[in-house]
Amino acid sequence: MFELWMEGLMALVSLSMAICFGRLYMGPTTPDRTVAFDLISVHAVGLLVLASMRFEDSVLLDAALITAILGFLGTVMFAHFIEQTPSGEEEE
């Protein structure tokens, strides 16, 4: 029963992640894409943690930690890019 719940949760998080990929692709502005990127990294961490619980593999927790760190650094990088962009030159 536990495995069924875990697989259901992983499917739900995967669906939500697919919606975030749609927002990343459609935009329309850089801040929208930045938030979508951050949400995708959060979803990836969630999927790795759920998979770690489902398959009882602690190595996946290390991968989740690295993914969280890289997702945070990517979000900071995008925020720095947005801060450096003059306000009148943002893409539509």
N, C-alpha and C. Protein backbone atom coordinates (compact mmCIF):
# COMPACT_ATOMS: atom_id res chain seq x y z
N MET A 1 0.83 -1.20 0.00
CA MET A 1 0.00 0.00 0.00
C MET A 1 0.87 1.26 0.00
N PHE A 2 1.98 1.21 0.76
CA PHE A 2 2.90 2.35 0.83
C PHE A 2 3.48 2.67 -0.55
N GLU A 3 3.85 1.62 -1.28
CA GLU A 3 4.44 1.81 -2.61
C GLU A 3 3.44 2.46 -3.56
N LEU A 4 2.18 2.08 -3.44
CA LEU A 4 1.14 2.65 -4.30
C LEU A 4 0.97 4.15 -4.02
N TRP A 5 0.97 4.52 -2.75
CA TRP A 5 0.86 5.94 -2.39
C TRP A 5 2.07 6.73 -2.89
N MET A 6 3.25 6.16 -2.74
CA MET A 6 4.46 6.84 -3.21
C MET A 6 4.44 7.04 -4.72
N GLU A 7 4.02 6.02 -5.45
CA GLU A 7 3.95 6.15 -6.90
C GLU A 7 2.89 7.16 -7.32
N GLY A 8 1.78 7.21 -6.60
CA GLY A 8 0.77 8.22 -6.88
C GLY A 8 1.27 9.63 -6.62
N LEU A 9 1.97 9.81 -5.52
CA LEU A 9 2.55 11.12 -5.22
C LEU A 9 3.60 11.52 -6.25
N MET A 10 4.42 10.55 -6.67
CA MET A 10 5.43 10.85 -7.68
C MET A 10 4.77 11.24 -9.01
N ALA A 11 3.67 10.60 -9.35
CA ALA A 11 2.96 10.95 -10.57
C ALA A 11 2.36 12.35 -10.47
N LEU A 12 1.82 12.69 -9.31
CA LEU A 12 1.23 14.02 -9.11
C LEU A 12 2.30 15.11 -9.18
N VAL A 13 3.44 14.88 -8.55
CA VAL A 13 4.53 15.85 -8.59
C VAL A 13 5.07 15.96 -10.02
N SER A 14 5.14 14.85 -10.74
CA SER A 14 5.60 14.89 -12.12
C SER A 14 4.66 15.69 -13.00
N LEU A 15 3.36 15.54 -12.80
CA LEU A 15 2.38 16.33 -13.55
C LEU A 15 2.54 17.82 -13.26
N SER A 16 2.71 18.15 -12.00
CA SER A 16 2.91 19.54 -11.62
C SER A 16 4.20 20.09 -12.23
N MET A 17 5.23 19.26 -12.27
CA MET A 17 6.50 19.67 -12.86
C MET A 17 6.35 19.92 -14.36
N ALA A 18 5.54 19.11 -15.03
CA ALA A 18 5.29 19.30 -16.46
C ALA A 18 4.59 20.64 -16.71
N ILE A 19 3.68 21.01 -15.84
CA ILE A 19 3.00 22.30 -15.96
C ILE A 19 4.01 23.44 -15.80
N CYS A 20 4.95 23.26 -14.88
CA CYS A 20 6.00 24.28 -14.68
C CYS A 20 6.90 24.39 -15.91
N PHE A 21 7.18 23.25 -16.57
CA PHE A 21 7.95 23.31 -17.81
C PHE A 21 7.20 24.10 -18.88
N GLY A 22 5.88 23.97 -18.90
CA GLY A 22 5.08 24.76 -19.83
C GLY A 22 5.21 26.25 -19.55
N ARG A 23 5.21 26.63 -18.28
CA ARG A 23 5.38 28.04 -17.93
C ARG A 23 6.79 28.51 -18.28
N LEU A 24 7.78 27.65 -18.10
CA LEU A 24 9.15 28.01 -18.46
C LEU A 24 9.25 28.25 -19.96
N TYR A 25 8.58 27.44 -20.75
CA TYR A 25 8.63 27.57 -22.21
C TYR A 25 7.85 28.80 -22.70
N MET A 26 6.66 29.03 -22.13
CA MET A 26 5.79 30.11 -22.62
C MET A 26 6.18 31.48 -22.09
N GLY A 27 6.78 31.54 -20.93
CA GLY A 27 7.19 32.83 -20.39
C GLY A 27 6.03 33.59 -19.80
N PRO A 28 5.70 34.76 -20.21
CA PRO A 28 6.24 35.55 -21.32
C PRO A 28 7.42 36.45 -20.91
N THR A 29 7.66 36.63 -19.61
CA THR A 29 8.74 37.51 -19.19
C THR A 29 9.82 36.71 -18.47
N THR A 30 10.96 37.34 -18.30
CA THR A 30 12.07 36.69 -17.60
C THR A 30 11.73 36.34 -16.15
N PRO A 31 11.05 37.21 -15.39
CA PRO A 31 10.69 36.80 -14.03
C PRO A 31 9.77 35.57 -13.99
N ASP A 32 8.86 35.44 -14.95
CA ASP A 32 8.02 34.24 -15.03
C ASP A 32 8.86 32.99 -15.24
N ARG A 33 9.83 33.10 -16.11
CA ARG A 33 10.71 31.96 -16.36
C ARG A 33 11.58 31.64 -15.16
N THR A 34 11.99 32.67 -14.43
CA THR A 34 12.81 32.46 -13.23
C THR A 34 12.02 31.71 -12.16
N VAL A 35 10.79 32.10 -11.95
CA VAL A 35 9.95 31.41 -10.97
C VAL A 35 9.68 29.98 -11.41
N ALA A 36 9.45 29.78 -12.71
CA ALA A 36 9.22 28.42 -13.22
C ALA A 36 10.46 27.56 -13.03
N PHE A 37 11.65 28.12 -13.27
CA PHE A 37 12.88 27.38 -13.06
C PHE A 37 13.03 26.99 -11.60
N ASP A 38 12.74 27.90 -10.71
CA ASP A 38 12.84 27.61 -9.28
C ASP A 38 11.85 26.51 -8.88
N LEU A 39 10.65 26.58 -9.40
CA LEU A 39 9.65 25.55 -9.09
C LEU A 39 10.06 24.19 -9.64
N ILE A 40 10.67 24.18 -10.82
CA ILE A 40 11.13 22.91 -11.38
C ILE A 40 12.21 22.30 -10.50
N SER A 41 13.12 23.13 -9.99
CA SER A 41 14.16 22.58 -9.11
C SER A 41 13.56 22.07 -7.80
N VAL A 42 12.54 22.74 -7.28
CA VAL A 42 11.88 22.26 -6.07
C VAL A 42 11.16 20.93 -6.33
N HIS A 43 10.51 20.84 -7.49
CA HIS A 43 9.84 19.59 -7.85
C HIS A 43 10.85 18.45 -8.03
N ALA A 44 12.00 18.76 -8.63
CA ALA A 44 13.02 17.73 -8.81
C ALA A 44 13.51 17.20 -7.47
N VAL A 45 13.71 18.11 -6.52
CA VAL A 45 14.12 17.68 -5.18
C VAL A 45 13.03 16.81 -4.55
N GLY A 46 11.80 17.22 -4.69
CA GLY A 46 10.69 16.43 -4.15
C GLY A 46 10.60 15.05 -4.76
N LEU A 47 10.79 14.98 -6.08
CA LEU A 47 10.77 13.67 -6.74
C LEU A 47 11.91 12.78 -6.26
N LEU A 48 13.08 13.36 -6.09
CA LEU A 48 14.22 12.57 -5.61
C LEU A 48 13.99 12.07 -4.19
N VAL A 49 13.40 12.90 -3.34
CA VAL A 49 13.13 12.49 -1.96
C VAL A 49 12.07 11.38 -1.94
N LEU A 50 11.01 11.56 -2.74
CA LEU A 50 9.98 10.51 -2.80
C LEU A 50 10.55 9.20 -3.34
N ALA A 51 11.40 9.29 -4.37
CA ALA A 51 12.02 8.08 -4.90
C ALA A 51 12.94 7.44 -3.87
N SER A 52 13.62 8.26 -3.10
CA SER A 52 14.49 7.73 -2.04
C SER A 52 13.68 6.97 -0.99
N MET A 53 12.52 7.52 -0.64
CA MET A 53 11.66 6.84 0.32
C MET A 53 11.06 5.56 -0.29
N ARG A 54 10.66 5.65 -1.55
CA ARG A 54 10.01 4.51 -2.21
C ARG A 54 10.96 3.33 -2.38
N PHE A 55 12.20 3.62 -2.82
CA PHE A 55 13.15 2.56 -3.11
C PHE A 55 14.13 2.32 -1.97
N GLU A 56 13.98 3.05 -0.86
CA GLU A 56 14.84 2.92 0.32
C GLU A 56 16.31 3.01 -0.06
N ASP A 57 16.65 4.08 -0.79
CA ASP A 57 18.01 4.30 -1.27
C ASP A 57 18.48 5.68 -0.82
N SER A 58 19.43 5.72 0.10
CA SER A 58 19.86 7.00 0.67
C SER A 58 20.75 7.79 -0.29
N VAL A 59 21.26 7.16 -1.33
CA VAL A 59 22.08 7.89 -2.30
C VAL A 59 21.26 8.96 -3.01
N LEU A 60 19.97 8.69 -3.20
CA LEU A 60 19.10 9.67 -3.84
C LEU A 60 18.94 10.93 -2.99
N LEU A 61 19.10 10.82 -1.69
CA LEU A 61 19.04 12.01 -0.84
C LEU A 61 20.24 12.92 -1.09
N ASP A 62 21.40 12.33 -1.36
CA ASP A 62 22.57 13.14 -1.73
C ASP A 62 22.31 13.88 -3.05
N ALA A 63 21.72 13.17 -4.00
CA ALA A 63 21.37 13.80 -5.27
C ALA A 63 20.35 14.92 -5.07
N ALA A 64 19.41 14.72 -4.16
CA ALA A 64 18.42 15.76 -3.87
C ALA A 64 19.08 17.00 -3.27
N LEU A 65 20.05 16.79 -2.40
CA LEU A 65 20.76 17.91 -1.79
C LEU A 65 21.54 18.70 -2.84
N ILE A 66 22.22 18.00 -3.72
CA ILE A 66 22.98 18.67 -4.79
C ILE A 66 22.03 19.40 -5.73
N THR A 67 20.91 18.79 -6.05
CA THR A 67 19.92 19.44 -6.91
C THR A 67 19.37 20.71 -6.26
N ALA A 68 19.12 20.66 -4.97
CA ALA A 68 18.62 21.84 -4.25
C ALA A 68 19.64 22.97 -4.28
N ILE A 69 20.90 22.64 -4.07
CA ILE A 69 21.95 23.67 -4.09
C ILE A 69 22.08 24.28 -5.47
N LEU A 70 22.11 23.43 -6.51
CA LEU A 70 22.22 23.95 -7.87
C LEU A 70 20.99 24.75 -8.29
N GLY A 71 19.82 24.33 -7.85
CA GLY A 71 18.60 25.10 -8.14
C GLY A 71 18.63 26.46 -7.49
N PHE A 72 19.11 26.52 -6.24
CA PHE A 72 19.22 27.80 -5.55
C PHE A 72 20.21 28.71 -6.26
N LEU A 73 21.37 28.17 -6.63
CA LEU A 73 22.36 28.98 -7.33
C LEU A 73 21.84 29.47 -8.68
N GLY A 74 21.10 28.63 -9.39
CA GLY A 74 20.51 29.05 -10.65
C GLY A 74 19.50 30.17 -10.47
N THR A 75 18.70 30.09 -9.42
CA THR A 75 17.73 31.15 -9.15
C THR A 75 18.42 32.45 -8.78
N VAL A 76 19.48 32.36 -8.00
CA VAL A 76 20.25 33.57 -7.65
C VAL A 76 20.87 34.17 -8.91
N MET A 77 21.36 33.32 -9.81
CA MET A 77 21.95 33.80 -11.05
C MET A 77 20.91 34.54 -11.90
N PHE A 78 19.71 33.95 -12.03
CA PHE A 78 18.65 34.62 -12.79
C PHE A 78 18.25 35.93 -12.13
N ALA A 79 18.16 35.95 -10.81
CA ALA A 79 17.80 37.18 -10.10
C ALA A 79 18.86 38.26 -10.34
N HIS A 80 20.11 37.87 -10.34
CA HIS A 80 21.19 38.84 -10.62
C HIS A 80 21.06 39.36 -12.04
N PHE A 81 20.72 38.48 -12.99
CA PHE A 81 20.54 38.90 -14.38
C PHE A 81 19.38 39.89 -14.50
N ILE A 82 18.27 39.60 -13.82
CA ILE A 82 17.12 40.50 -13.86
C ILE A 82 17.47 41.85 -13.25
N GLU A 83 18.24 41.83 -12.17
CA GLU A 83 18.64 43.07 -11.51
C GLU A 83 19.51 43.93 -12.42
N GLN A 84 20.34 43.31 -13.25
CA GLN A 84 21.26 44.04 -14.13
C GLN A 84 20.59 44.54 -15.40
N THR A 85 19.44 43.96 -15.77
CA THR A 85 18.74 44.35 -16.99
C THR A 85 18.03 45.69 -16.77
N PRO A 86 18.28 46.66 -17.64
CA PRO A 86 17.52 47.92 -17.52
C PRO A 86 16.03 47.66 -17.64
N SER A 87 15.23 48.38 -16.89
CA SER A 87 13.80 48.10 -16.79
C SER A 87 13.05 48.25 -18.10
N GLY A 88 13.52 49.07 -19.00
CA GLY A 88 12.82 49.27 -20.27
C GLY A 88 13.18 48.25 -21.33
N GLU A 89 14.17 47.39 -21.08
CA GLU A 89 14.64 46.49 -22.12
C GLU A 89 14.25 45.04 -21.88
N GLU A 90 13.32 44.78 -20.98
CA GLU A 90 12.92 43.40 -20.72
C GLU A 90 12.13 42.85 -21.89
N GLU A 91 12.36 41.56 -22.19
CA GLU A 91 11.68 40.94 -23.33
C GLU A 91 10.19 40.80 -23.08
N GLU A 92 9.44 40.82 -24.12
CA GLU A 92 7.98 40.68 -24.05
C GLU A 92 7.56 39.30 -24.41
